[in-house]
Amino acid sequence: MLAANISLQMVKGMTTLYAEAGPKEKLLIIAEYKKALTLYLGSVCPRTSGLQKRGNGKAARFSTTL
């Protein structure tokens, strides 16, 4: 739950920056936004092996365990 709240606050802050930015700055903000969220979420929800198999043998895109 904490990771979700932190992610939400990051989105709110970056959205405010994006809304106030000029056209040239928006591309930089988007790049930083992607880096920040990717690094943060990767640290709190690491993917161990990409696609994981479910009990029925089919590949699952996302793991339900943290």
Protein backbone atom coordinates (compact mmCIF):
# COMPACT_ATOMS: atom_id res chain seq x y z
CA MET A 1 0.00 0.00 0.00
CA LEU A 2 2.89 2.36 0.74
CA ALA A 3 4.37 1.84 -2.72
CA ALA A 4 1.02 2.72 -4.30
CA ASN A 5 0.76 5.94 -2.26
CA ILE A 6 4.33 6.95 -3.08
CA SER A 7 3.75 6.26 -6.77
CA LEU A 8 0.57 8.35 -6.70
CA GLN A 9 2.40 11.29 -5.12
CA MET A 10 5.16 11.00 -7.74
CA VAL A 11 2.55 11.06 -10.51
CA LYS A 12 0.85 14.12 -9.00
CA GLY A 13 4.13 16.02 -8.67
CA MET A 14 5.36 15.17 -12.14
CA THR A 15 1.96 16.03 -13.65
CA THR A 16 2.15 19.48 -12.07
CA LEU A 17 5.65 20.00 -13.47
CA TYR A 18 4.51 18.83 -16.90
CA ALA A 19 1.50 21.17 -16.90
CA GLU A 20 3.69 24.17 -16.07
CA ALA A 21 6.47 23.31 -18.54
CA GLY A 22 7.09 24.74 -21.96
CA PRO A 23 7.15 22.54 -25.09
CA LYS A 24 10.91 21.85 -24.93
CA GLU A 25 10.85 21.04 -21.23
CA LYS A 26 7.97 18.56 -21.57
CA LEU A 27 10.13 15.99 -23.35
CA LEU A 28 12.73 16.19 -20.58
CA ILE A 29 10.08 15.85 -17.90
CA ILE A 30 8.59 12.79 -19.60
CA ALA A 31 12.02 11.14 -19.77
CA GLU A 32 12.68 11.84 -16.07
CA TYR A 33 9.18 10.71 -15.17
CA LYS A 34 9.74 7.34 -16.86
CA LYS A 35 13.13 6.91 -15.20
CA ALA A 36 11.87 7.81 -11.74
CA LEU A 37 8.83 5.54 -11.83
CA THR A 38 10.69 2.66 -13.48
CA LEU A 39 13.51 2.75 -10.95
CA TYR A 40 11.21 3.16 -7.95
CA LEU A 41 8.70 0.50 -8.97
CA GLY A 42 11.51 -1.85 -10.01
CA SER A 43 12.98 -1.57 -6.53
CA VAL A 44 9.74 -2.30 -4.68
CA CYS A 45 8.24 -4.82 -7.14
CA PRO A 46 11.16 -6.65 -8.75
CA ARG A 47 10.42 -9.03 -11.61
CA THR A 48 12.29 -12.24 -11.09
CA SER A 49 12.03 -14.00 -14.42
CA GLY A 50 9.81 -12.08 -16.80
CA LEU A 51 6.78 -14.19 -17.59
CA GLN A 52 5.90 -16.67 -14.88
CA LYS A 53 3.78 -19.80 -15.34
CA ARG A 54 0.43 -20.17 -13.66
CA GLY A 55 -0.78 -23.43 -12.22
CA ASN A 56 -2.53 -24.24 -15.52
CA GLY A 57 0.75 -24.07 -17.48
CA LYS A 58 -0.10 -20.81 -19.25
CA ALA A 59 2.29 -17.89 -18.94
CA ALA A 60 1.16 -15.07 -16.68
CA ARG A 61 2.21 -11.56 -17.56
CA PHE A 62 2.36 -10.30 -13.97
CA SER A 63 3.07 -12.11 -10.75
CA THR A 64 0.54 -11.75 -7.96
CA THR A 65 3.17 -12.17 -5.23
CA LEU A 66 5.37 -9.39 -3.94
